[in-house]
PDB file of all heavy atoms in Angstrom:
ATOM      1  N   LEU A   1      -9.198  -0.692  -6.217  1.00  0.00           N
ATOM      2  CA  LEU A   1      -7.968  -1.452  -6.016  1.00  0.00           C
ATOM      3  C   LEU A   1      -6.924  -0.602  -5.287  1.00  0.00           C
ATOM      4  O   LEU A   1      -6.222  -1.089  -4.393  1.00  0.00           O
ATOM      5  CB  LEU A   1      -7.425  -1.909  -7.373  1.00  0.00           C
ATOM      6  CG  LEU A   1      -6.163  -2.789  -7.363  1.00  0.00           C
ATOM      7  CD1 LEU A   1      -6.420  -4.074  -6.578  1.00  0.00           C
ATOM      8  CD2 LEU A   1      -5.736  -3.119  -8.788  1.00  0.00           C
ATOM      9  N   ALA A   2      -6.842   0.680  -5.659  1.00  0.00           N
ATOM     10  CA  ALA A   2      -5.898   1.586  -5.007  1.00  0.00           C
ATOM     11  C   ALA A   2      -6.247   1.769  -3.529  1.00  0.00           C
ATOM     12  O   ALA A   2      -5.356   1.765  -2.665  1.00  0.00           O
ATOM     13  CB  ALA A   2      -5.897   2.939  -5.716  1.00  0.00           C
ATOM     14  N   ILE A   3      -7.531   1.925  -3.238  1.00  0.00           N
ATOM     15  CA  ILE A   3      -7.969   2.064  -1.846  1.00  0.00           C
ATOM     16  C   ILE A   3      -7.692   0.771  -1.083  1.00  0.00           C
ATOM     17  O   ILE A   3      -7.313   0.792   0.097  1.00  0.00           O
ATOM     18  CB  ILE A   3      -9.460   2.449  -1.792  1.00  0.00           C
ATOM     19  CG1 ILE A   3      -9.645   3.856  -2.385  1.00  0.00           C
ATOM     20  CG2 ILE A   3      -9.981   2.403  -0.354  1.00  0.00           C
ATOM     21  CD1 ILE A   3     -11.091   4.267  -2.558  1.00  0.00           C
ATOM     22  N   GLY A   4      -7.859  -0.372  -1.765  1.00  0.00           N
ATOM     23  CA  GLY A   4      -7.540  -1.658  -1.150  1.00  0.00           C
ATOM     24  C   GLY A   4      -6.066  -1.755  -0.795  1.00  0.00           C
ATOM     25  O   GLY A   4      -5.696  -2.273   0.266  1.00  0.00           O
ATOM     26  N   CYS A   5      -5.200  -1.237  -1.682  1.00  0.00           N
ATOM     27  CA  CYS A   5      -3.761  -1.223  -1.405  1.00  0.00           C
ATOM     28  C   CYS A   5      -3.455  -0.364  -0.182  1.00  0.00           C
ATOM     29  O   CYS A   5      -2.602  -0.705   0.645  1.00  0.00           O
ATOM     30  CB  CYS A   5      -2.998  -0.684  -2.620  1.00  0.00           C
ATOM     31  SG  CYS A   5      -2.925  -1.816  -4.024  1.00  0.00           S
ATOM     32  N   GLU A   6      -4.169   0.754  -0.086  1.00  0.00           N
ATOM     33  CA  GLU A   6      -3.968   1.636   1.069  1.00  0.00           C
ATOM     34  C   GLU A   6      -4.364   0.924   2.367  1.00  0.00           C
ATOM     35  O   GLU A   6      -3.634   0.985   3.370  1.00  0.00           O
ATOM     36  CB  GLU A   6      -4.794   2.903   0.913  1.00  0.00           C
ATOM     37  CG  GLU A   6      -4.661   3.847   2.099  1.00  0.00           C
ATOM     38  CD  GLU A   6      -5.740   4.916   2.127  1.00  0.00           C
ATOM     39  OE1 GLU A   6      -6.868   4.650   1.677  1.00  0.00           O
ATOM     40  OE2 GLU A   6      -5.446   6.010   2.627  1.00  0.00           O
ATOM     41  N   ILE A   7      -5.514   0.264   2.367  1.00  0.00           N
ATOM     42  CA  ILE A   7      -5.971  -0.450   3.560  1.00  0.00           C
ATOM     43  C   ILE A   7      -4.978  -1.531   3.955  1.00  0.00           C
ATOM     44  O   ILE A   7      -4.656  -1.708   5.139  1.00  0.00           O
ATOM     45  CB  ILE A   7      -7.375  -1.057   3.302  1.00  0.00           C
ATOM     46  CG1 ILE A   7      -8.404   0.068   3.121  1.00  0.00           C
ATOM     47  CG2 ILE A   7      -7.785  -1.978   4.454  1.00  0.00           C
ATOM     48  CD1 ILE A   7      -9.764  -0.419   2.671  1.00  0.00           C
ATOM     49  N   TRP A   8      -4.477  -2.232   2.956  1.00  0.00           N
ATOM     50  CA  TRP A   8      -3.475  -3.282   3.194  1.00  0.00           C
ATOM     51  C   TRP A   8      -2.217  -2.677   3.824  1.00  0.00           C
ATOM     52  O   TRP A   8      -1.642  -3.216   4.772  1.00  0.00           O
ATOM     53  CB  TRP A   8      -3.154  -3.993   1.894  1.00  0.00           C
ATOM     54  CG  TRP A   8      -2.350  -5.256   2.048  1.00  0.00           C
ATOM     55  CD1 TRP A   8      -1.817  -5.778   3.200  1.00  0.00           C
ATOM     56  CD2 TRP A   8      -1.964  -6.148   0.992  1.00  0.00           C
ATOM     57  NE1 TRP A   8      -1.132  -6.936   2.934  1.00  0.00           N
ATOM     58  CE2 TRP A   8      -1.209  -7.187   1.584  1.00  0.00           C
ATOM     59  CE3 TRP A   8      -2.185  -6.164  -0.371  1.00  0.00           C
ATOM     60  CZ2 TRP A   8      -0.666  -8.233   0.838  1.00  0.00           C
ATOM     61  CZ3 TRP A   8      -1.647  -7.199  -1.126  1.00  0.00           C
ATOM     62  CH2 TRP A   8      -0.909  -8.228  -0.518  1.00  0.00           C
ATOM     63  N   ALA A   9      -1.792  -1.520   3.286  1.00  0.00           N
ATOM     64  CA  ALA A   9      -0.605  -0.854   3.817  1.00  0.00           C
ATOM     65  C   ALA A   9      -0.835  -0.391   5.259  1.00  0.00           C
ATOM     66  O   ALA A   9       0.078  -0.467   6.093  1.00  0.00           O
ATOM     67  CB  ALA A   9      -0.247   0.341   2.937  1.00  0.00           C
ATOM     68  N   ILE A  10      -2.036   0.067   5.557  1.00  0.00           N
ATOM     69  CA  ILE A  10      -2.362   0.499   6.926  1.00  0.00           C
ATOM     70  C   ILE A  10      -2.299  -0.684   7.886  1.00  0.00           C
ATOM     71  O   ILE A  10      -1.826  -0.563   9.017  1.00  0.00           O
ATOM     72  CB  ILE A  10      -3.748   1.174   6.954  1.00  0.00           C
ATOM     73  CG1 ILE A  10      -3.689   2.525   6.231  1.00  0.00           C
ATOM     74  CG2 ILE A  10      -4.233   1.364   8.397  1.00  0.00           C
ATOM     75  CD1 ILE A  10      -5.032   3.199   6.068  1.00  0.00           C
ATOM     76  N   VAL A  11      -2.796  -1.842   7.436  1.00  0.00           N
ATOM     77  CA  VAL A  11      -2.738  -3.055   8.263  1.00  0.00           C
ATOM     78  C   VAL A  11      -1.280  -3.410   8.576  1.00  0.00           C
ATOM     79  O   VAL A  11      -0.935  -3.723   9.722  1.00  0.00           O
ATOM     80  CB  VAL A  11      -3.449  -4.230   7.559  1.00  0.00           C
ATOM     81  CG1 VAL A  11      -3.187  -5.536   8.312  1.00  0.00           C
ATOM     82  CG2 VAL A  11      -4.948  -3.963   7.467  1.00  0.00           C
ATOM     83  N   ILE A  12      -0.421  -3.356   7.553  1.00  0.00           N
ATOM     84  CA  ILE A  12       1.005  -3.655   7.742  1.00  0.00           C
ATOM     85  C   ILE A  12       1.631  -2.655   8.713  1.00  0.00           C
ATOM     86  O   ILE A  12       2.473  -3.004   9.550  1.00  0.00           O
ATOM     87  CB  ILE A  12       1.747  -3.628   6.383  1.00  0.00           C
ATOM     88  CG1 ILE A  12       1.245  -4.759   5.475  1.00  0.00           C
ATOM     89  CG2 ILE A  12       3.254  -3.749   6.584  1.00  0.00           C
ATOM     90  CD1 ILE A  12       1.818  -4.711   4.072  1.00  0.00           C
ATOM     91  N   LEU A  13       1.194  -1.398   8.597  1.00  0.00           N
ATOM     92  CA  LEU A  13       1.747  -0.334   9.425  1.00  0.00           C
ATOM     93  C   LEU A  13       1.453  -0.541  10.913  1.00  0.00           C
ATOM     94  O   LEU A  13       2.188  -0.047  11.774  1.00  0.00           O
ATOM     95  CB  LEU A  13       1.177   1.016   8.961  1.00  0.00           C
ATOM     96  CG  LEU A  13       1.866   2.294   9.442  1.00  0.00           C
ATOM     97  CD1 LEU A  13       3.294   2.354   8.917  1.00  0.00           C
ATOM     98  CD2 LEU A  13       1.085   3.510   8.965  1.00  0.00           C
ATOM     99  N   GLN A  14       0.383  -1.279  11.223  1.00  0.00           N
ATOM    100  CA  GLN A  14      -0.022  -1.471  12.616  1.00  0.00           C
ATOM    101  C   GLN A  14       0.616  -2.702  13.264  1.00  0.00           C
ATOM    102  O   GLN A  14       0.404  -2.952  14.452  1.00  0.00           O
ATOM    103  CB  GLN A  14      -1.553  -1.614  12.685  1.00  0.00           C
ATOM    104  CG  GLN A  14      -2.331  -0.470  12.060  1.00  0.00           C
ATOM    105  CD  GLN A  14      -1.966   0.895  12.614  1.00  0.00           C
ATOM    106  OE1 GLN A  14      -1.828   1.057  13.830  1.00  0.00           O
ATOM    107  NE2 GLN A  14      -1.795   1.873  11.730  1.00  0.00           N
ATOM    108  N   LYS A  15       1.382  -3.474  12.488  1.00  0.00           N
ATOM    109  CA  LYS A  15       1.935  -4.724  13.019  1.00  0.00           C
ATOM    110  C   LYS A  15       3.466  -4.721  12.952  1.00  0.00           C
ATOM    111  O   LYS A  15       4.046  -5.022  11.902  1.00  0.00           O
ATOM    112  CB  LYS A  15       1.390  -5.923  12.229  1.00  0.00           C
ATOM    113  CG  LYS A  15      -0.117  -6.119  12.372  1.00  0.00           C
ATOM    114  CD  LYS A  15      -0.580  -7.315  11.562  1.00  0.00           C
ATOM    115  CE  LYS A  15      -2.075  -7.549  11.708  1.00  0.00           C
ATOM    116  NZ  LYS A  15      -2.532  -8.731  10.932  1.00  0.00           N
ATOM    117  N   PRO A  16       4.135  -4.366  14.058  1.00  0.00           N
ATOM    118  CA  PRO A  16       5.605  -4.405  14.051  1.00  0.00           C
ATOM    119  C   PRO A  16       6.109  -5.850  14.063  1.00  0.00           C
ATOM    120  O   PRO A  16       5.399  -6.733  14.563  1.00  0.00           O
ATOM    121  CB  PRO A  16       5.951  -3.682  15.368  1.00  0.00           C
ATOM    122  CG  PRO A  16       4.741  -3.826  16.225  1.00  0.00           C
ATOM    123  CD  PRO A  16       3.566  -3.873  15.301  1.00  0.00           C
ATOM    124  N   PRO A  17       7.289  -6.124  13.487  1.00  0.00           N
ATOM    125  CA  PRO A  17       8.149  -5.145  12.806  1.00  0.00           C
ATOM    126  C   PRO A  17       7.563  -4.757  11.446  1.00  0.00           C
ATOM    127  O   PRO A  17       7.066  -5.622  10.705  1.00  0.00           O
ATOM    128  CB  PRO A  17       9.467  -5.896  12.647  1.00  0.00           C
ATOM    129  CG  PRO A  17       9.074  -7.336  12.595  1.00  0.00           C
ATOM    130  CD  PRO A  17       7.897  -7.470  13.527  1.00  0.00           C
ATOM    131  N   ILE A  18       7.607  -3.494  11.153  1.00  0.00           N
ATOM    132  CA  ILE A  18       6.943  -2.966   9.956  1.00  0.00           C
ATOM    133  C   ILE A  18       7.784  -3.237   8.709  1.00  0.00           C
ATOM    134  O   ILE A  18       8.971  -2.903   8.662  1.00  0.00           O
ATOM    135  CB  ILE A  18       6.677  -1.464  10.106  1.00  0.00           C
ATOM    136  CG1 ILE A  18       5.700  -1.238  11.270  1.00  0.00           C
ATOM    137  CG2 ILE A  18       6.121  -0.882   8.806  1.00  0.00           C
ATOM    138  CD1 ILE A  18       5.542   0.201  11.665  1.00  0.00           C
ATOM    139  N   ASN A  19       7.136  -3.832   7.718  1.00  0.00           N
ATOM    140  CA  ASN A  19       7.804  -4.135   6.448  1.00  0.00           C
ATOM    141  C   ASN A  19       7.674  -2.923   5.526  1.00  0.00           C
ATOM    142  O   ASN A  19       6.672  -2.737   4.841  1.00  0.00           O
ATOM    143  CB  ASN A  19       7.162  -5.374   5.809  1.00  0.00           C
ATOM    144  CG  ASN A  19       7.944  -5.870   4.610  1.00  0.00           C
ATOM    145  OD1 ASN A  19       8.582  -5.089   3.902  1.00  0.00           O
ATOM    146  ND2 ASN A  19       7.897  -7.168   4.375  1.00  0.00           N
ATOM    147  N   MET A  20       8.698  -2.087   5.507  1.00  0.00           N
ATOM    148  CA  MET A  20       8.651  -0.857   4.715  1.00  0.00           C
ATOM    149  C   MET A  20       8.589  -1.136   3.221  1.00  0.00           C
ATOM    150  O   MET A  20       7.923  -0.429   2.466  1.00  0.00           O
ATOM    151  CB  MET A  20       9.866   0.011   5.028  1.00  0.00           C
ATOM    152  CG  MET A  20       9.845   0.608   6.427  1.00  0.00           C
ATOM    153  SD  MET A  20      11.293   1.645   6.741  1.00  0.00           S
ATOM    154  CE  MET A  20      11.163   2.875   5.447  1.00  0.00           C
ATOM    155  N   THR A  21       9.280  -2.189   2.797  1.00  0.00           N
ATOM    156  CA  THR A  21       9.296  -2.519   1.366  1.00  0.00           C
ATOM    157  C   THR A  21       7.889  -2.816   0.862  1.00  0.00           C
ATOM    158  O   THR A  21       7.483  -2.355  -0.213  1.00  0.00           O
ATOM    159  CB  THR A  21      10.203  -3.727   1.101  1.00  0.00           C
ATOM    160  OG1 THR A  21      11.519  -3.436   1.549  1.00  0.00           O
ATOM    161  CG2 THR A  21      10.242  -4.057  -0.388  1.00  0.00           C
ATOM    162  N   SER A  22       7.132  -3.573   1.638  1.00  0.00           N
ATOM    163  CA  SER A  22       5.757  -3.915   1.249  1.00  0.00           C
ATOM    164  C   SER A  22       4.891  -2.665   1.155  1.00  0.00           C
ATOM    165  O   SER A  22       4.077  -2.521   0.226  1.00  0.00           O
ATOM    166  CB  SER A  22       5.149  -4.891   2.259  1.00  0.00           C
ATOM    167  OG  SER A  22       5.850  -6.125   2.237  1.00  0.00           O
ATOM    168  N   ILE A  23       5.053  -1.755   2.097  1.00  0.00           N
ATOM    169  CA  ILE A  23       4.266  -0.519   2.077  1.00  0.00           C
ATOM    170  C   ILE A  23       4.601   0.317   0.849  1.00  0.00           C
ATOM    171  O   ILE A  23       3.717   0.858   0.181  1.00  0.00           O
ATOM    172  CB  ILE A  23       4.504   0.293   3.371  1.00  0.00           C
ATOM    173  CG1 ILE A  23       3.951  -0.468   4.575  1.00  0.00           C
ATOM    174  CG2 ILE A  23       3.843   1.667   3.269  1.00  0.00           C
ATOM    175  CD1 ILE A  23       4.216   0.197   5.907  1.00  0.00           C
ATOM    176  N   ILE A  24       5.890   0.419   0.530  1.00  0.00           N
ATOM    177  CA  ILE A  24       6.309   1.197  -0.644  1.00  0.00           C
ATOM    178  C   ILE A  24       5.769   0.572  -1.928  1.00  0.00           C
ATOM    179  O   ILE A  24       5.310   1.277  -2.838  1.00  0.00           O
ATOM    180  CB  ILE A  24       7.844   1.308  -0.694  1.00  0.00           C
ATOM    181  CG1 ILE A  24       8.342   2.176   0.471  1.00  0.00           C
ATOM    182  CG2 ILE A  24       8.308   1.888  -2.028  1.00  0.00           C
ATOM    183  CD1 ILE A  24       9.851   2.205   0.624  1.00  0.00           C
ATOM    184  N   ILE A  25       5.803  -0.763  -2.008  1.00  0.00           N
ATOM    185  CA  ILE A  25       5.264  -1.451  -3.192  1.00  0.00           C
ATOM    186  C   ILE A  25       3.766  -1.192  -3.316  1.00  0.00           C
ATOM    187  O   ILE A  25       3.261  -0.913  -4.413  1.00  0.00           O
ATOM    188  CB  ILE A  25       5.545  -2.968  -3.118  1.00  0.00           C
ATOM    189  CG1 ILE A  25       7.038  -3.238  -3.283  1.00  0.00           C
ATOM    190  CG2 ILE A  25       4.753  -3.724  -4.190  1.00  0.00           C
ATOM    191  CD1 ILE A  25       7.439  -4.684  -3.062  1.00  0.00           C
ATOM    192  N   LEU A  26       3.050  -1.262  -2.203  1.00  0.00           N
ATOM    193  CA  LEU A  26       1.607  -1.011  -2.218  1.00  0.00           C
ATOM    194  C   LEU A  26       1.304   0.434  -2.619  1.00  0.00           C
ATOM    195  O   LEU A  26       0.340   0.697  -3.351  1.00  0.00           O
ATOM    196  CB  LEU A  26       1.003  -1.316  -0.844  1.00  0.00           C
ATOM    197  CG  LEU A  26       0.908  -2.802  -0.481  1.00  0.00           C
ATOM    198  CD1 LEU A  26       0.554  -2.973   0.984  1.00  0.00           C
ATOM    199  CD2 LEU A  26      -0.131  -3.501  -1.364  1.00  0.00           C
ATOM    200  N   LEU A  27       2.119   1.370  -2.169  1.00  0.00           N
ATOM    201  CA  LEU A  27       1.947   2.767  -2.576  1.00  0.00           C
ATOM    202  C   LEU A  27       2.181   2.940  -4.076  1.00  0.00           C
ATOM    203  O   LEU A  27       1.456   3.682  -4.749  1.00  0.00           O
ATOM    204  CB  LEU A  27       2.914   3.656  -1.789  1.00  0.00           C
ATOM    205  CG  LEU A  27       2.514   4.001  -0.354  1.00  0.00           C
ATOM    206  CD1 LEU A  27       3.686   4.620   0.401  1.00  0.00           C
ATOM    207  CD2 LEU A  27       1.321   4.956  -0.349  1.00  0.00           C
ATOM    208  N   ALA A  28       3.179   2.239  -4.605  1.00  0.00           N
ATOM    209  CA  ALA A  28       3.476   2.325  -6.039  1.00  0.00           C
ATOM    210  C   ALA A  28       2.329   1.751  -6.872  1.00  0.00           C
ATOM    211  O   ALA A  28       1.908   2.344  -7.869  1.00  0.00           O
ATOM    212  CB  ALA A  28       4.774   1.584  -6.345  1.00  0.00           C
ATOM    213  N   VAL A  29       1.818   0.597  -6.427  1.00  0.00           N
ATOM    214  CA  VAL A  29       0.678  -0.015  -7.132  1.00  0.00           C
ATOM    215  C   VAL A  29      -0.536   0.897  -7.055  1.00  0.00           C
ATOM    216  O   VAL A  29      -1.248   1.109  -8.048  1.00  0.00           O
ATOM    217  CB  VAL A  29       0.360  -1.402  -6.539  1.00  0.00           C
ATOM    218  CG1 VAL A  29      -0.929  -1.956  -7.150  1.00  0.00           C
ATOM    219  CG2 VAL A  29       1.500  -2.369  -6.774  1.00  0.00           C
ATOM    220  N   GLY A  30      -0.759   1.466  -5.880  1.00  0.00           N
ATOM    221  CA  GLY A  30      -1.883   2.385  -5.710  1.00  0.00           C
ATOM    222  C   GLY A  30      -1.770   3.594  -6.611  1.00  0.00           C
ATOM    223  O   GLY A  30      -2.757   4.044  -7.206  1.00  0.00           O
ATOM    224  N   LEU A  31      -0.550   4.131  -6.730  1.00  0.00           N
ATOM    225  CA  LEU A  31      -0.340   5.299  -7.587  1.00  0.00           C
ATOM    226  C   LEU A  31      -0.645   4.979  -9.043  1.00  0.00           C
ATOM    227  O   LEU A  31      -1.339   5.741  -9.729  1.00  0.00           O
ATOM    228  CB  LEU A  31       1.108   5.775  -7.444  1.00  0.00           C
ATOM    229  CG  LEU A  31       1.531   6.927  -8.358  1.00  0.00           C
ATOM    230  CD1 LEU A  31       0.675   8.155  -8.120  1.00  0.00           C
ATOM    231  CD2 LEU A  31       3.015   7.251  -8.162  1.00  0.00           C
ATOM    232  N   VAL A  32      -0.147   3.859  -9.511  1.00  0.00           N
ATOM    233  CA  VAL A  32      -0.372   3.469 -10.912  1.00  0.00           C
ATOM    234  C   VAL A  32      -1.860   3.287 -11.190  1.00  0.00           C
ATOM    235  O   VAL A  32      -2.380   3.767 -12.206  1.00  0.00           O
ATOM    236  CB  VAL A  32       0.399   2.170 -11.246  1.00  0.00           C
ATOM    237  CG1 VAL A  32      -0.010   1.642 -12.616  1.00  0.00           C
ATOM    238  CG2 VAL A  32       1.899   2.416 -11.200  1.00  0.00           C
ATOM    239  N   THR A  33      -2.563   2.608 -10.287  1.00  0.00           N
ATOM    240  CA  THR A  33      -3.989   2.344 -10.513  1.00  0.00           C
ATOM    241  C   THR A  33      -4.820   3.626 -10.437  1.00  0.00           C
ATOM    242  O   THR A  33      -5.771   3.806 -11.209  1.00  0.00           O
ATOM    243  CB  THR A  33      -4.519   1.316  -9.500  1.00  0.00           C
ATOM    244  OG1 THR A  33      -4.184   1.735  -8.174  1.00  0.00           O
ATOM    245  CG2 THR A  33      -3.917  -0.056  -9.752  1.00  0.00           C
ATOM    246  N   VAL A  34      -4.458   4.543  -9.532  1.00  0.00           N
ATOM    247  CA  VAL A  34      -5.188   5.811  -9.445  1.00  0.00           C
ATOM    248  C   VAL A  34      -4.990   6.627 -10.719  1.00  0.00           C
ATOM    249  O   VAL A  34      -5.943   7.171 -11.282  1.00  0.00           O
ATOM    250  CB  VAL A  34      -4.731   6.636  -8.222  1.00  0.00           C
ATOM    251  CG1 VAL A  34      -5.249   8.074  -8.321  1.00  0.00           C
ATOM    252  CG2 VAL A  34      -5.264   6.019  -6.940  1.00  0.00           C
ATOM    253  N   VAL A  35      -3.749   6.701 -11.187  1.00  0.00           N
ATOM    254  CA  VAL A  35      -3.447   7.501 -12.380  1.00  0.00           C
ATOM    255  C   VAL A  35      -4.152   6.942 -13.613  1.00  0.00           C
ATOM    256  O   VAL A  35      -4.798   7.686 -14.367  1.00  0.00           O
ATOM    257  CB  VAL A  35      -1.921   7.559 -12.620  1.00  0.00           C
ATOM    258  CG1 VAL A  35      -1.614   8.135 -14.006  1.00  0.00           C
ATOM    259  CG2 VAL A  35      -1.258   8.407 -11.536  1.00  0.00           C
ATOM    260  N   ILE A  36      -4.065   5.632 -13.834  1.00  0.00           N
ATOM    261  CA  ILE A  36      -4.724   5.030 -15.000  1.00  0.00           C
ATOM    262  C   ILE A  36      -6.234   5.210 -14.905  1.00  0.00           C
ATOM    263  O   ILE A  36      -6.900   5.564 -15.887  1.00  0.00           O
ATOM    264  CB  ILE A  36      -4.372   3.533 -15.113  1.00  0.00           C
ATOM    265  CG1 ILE A  36      -2.880   3.358 -15.393  1.00  0.00           C
ATOM    266  CG2 ILE A  36      -5.191   2.870 -16.228  1.00  0.00           C
ATOM    267  CD1 ILE A  36      -2.422   1.911 -15.409  1.00  0.00           C
ATOM    268  N   GLY A  37      -6.775   4.996 -13.710  1.00  0.00           N
ATOM    269  CA  GLY A  37      -8.217   5.183 -13.523  1.00  0.00           C
ATOM    270  C   GLY A  37      -8.642   6.606 -13.809  1.00  0.00           C
ATOM    271  O   GLY A  37      -9.663   6.844 -14.466  1.00  0.00           O
TER     272      GLY A  37
END
């Protein structure tokens, strides 16, 4: 799930205008899932 969040964030990063809020949220979700896992 964390890797999926990263891929999603990379997709967002390639499509301007870049939604920084979405990327930060995906990073936060990824962090939580990696730590719990």
